[in-house]
Amino acid sequence: MPNATSPAHGNTCPERSRGIPDAVIASVKNNTSFPALLRQYGIQTTKKGKSLFATCPFHEIDGHPENTASLSIDPTLNLYHCFSCNAKGNVIQFVMEIEKVTLV
């Protein structure tokens, strides 16, 4: 497991504290296509080298959605990082952050 921090806050990884077996967590992380997940949320990406870039859904600038592609997605590792607000994590953390939910 690469990093056990939450997207923007650096707390202990919430999916680890809910009793979900590591094998299930690893399966979701490894078998979820980040580009397909982003498309389901209507987030358009552009490819630059091996990475994908998109506008970050986690922050606004002056009360308006961002229009600079500051969200970097590594589709091979299934990780994301926003260079503006520092949100980062894996596919599970992305869904938790965008949906404002925790795992039960």
Foldseek 3Di string as FASTA:
>chain_A
DPDQAAFQDGDGNQVVPPPDDPVVVVCCQQVDQLVVVCVVVVWDWDDDPQKIWTFDPQDPDPPHGDPDGQWIARRNNQKIAGPPRGGIDHPVSVCCRNVVHGDD
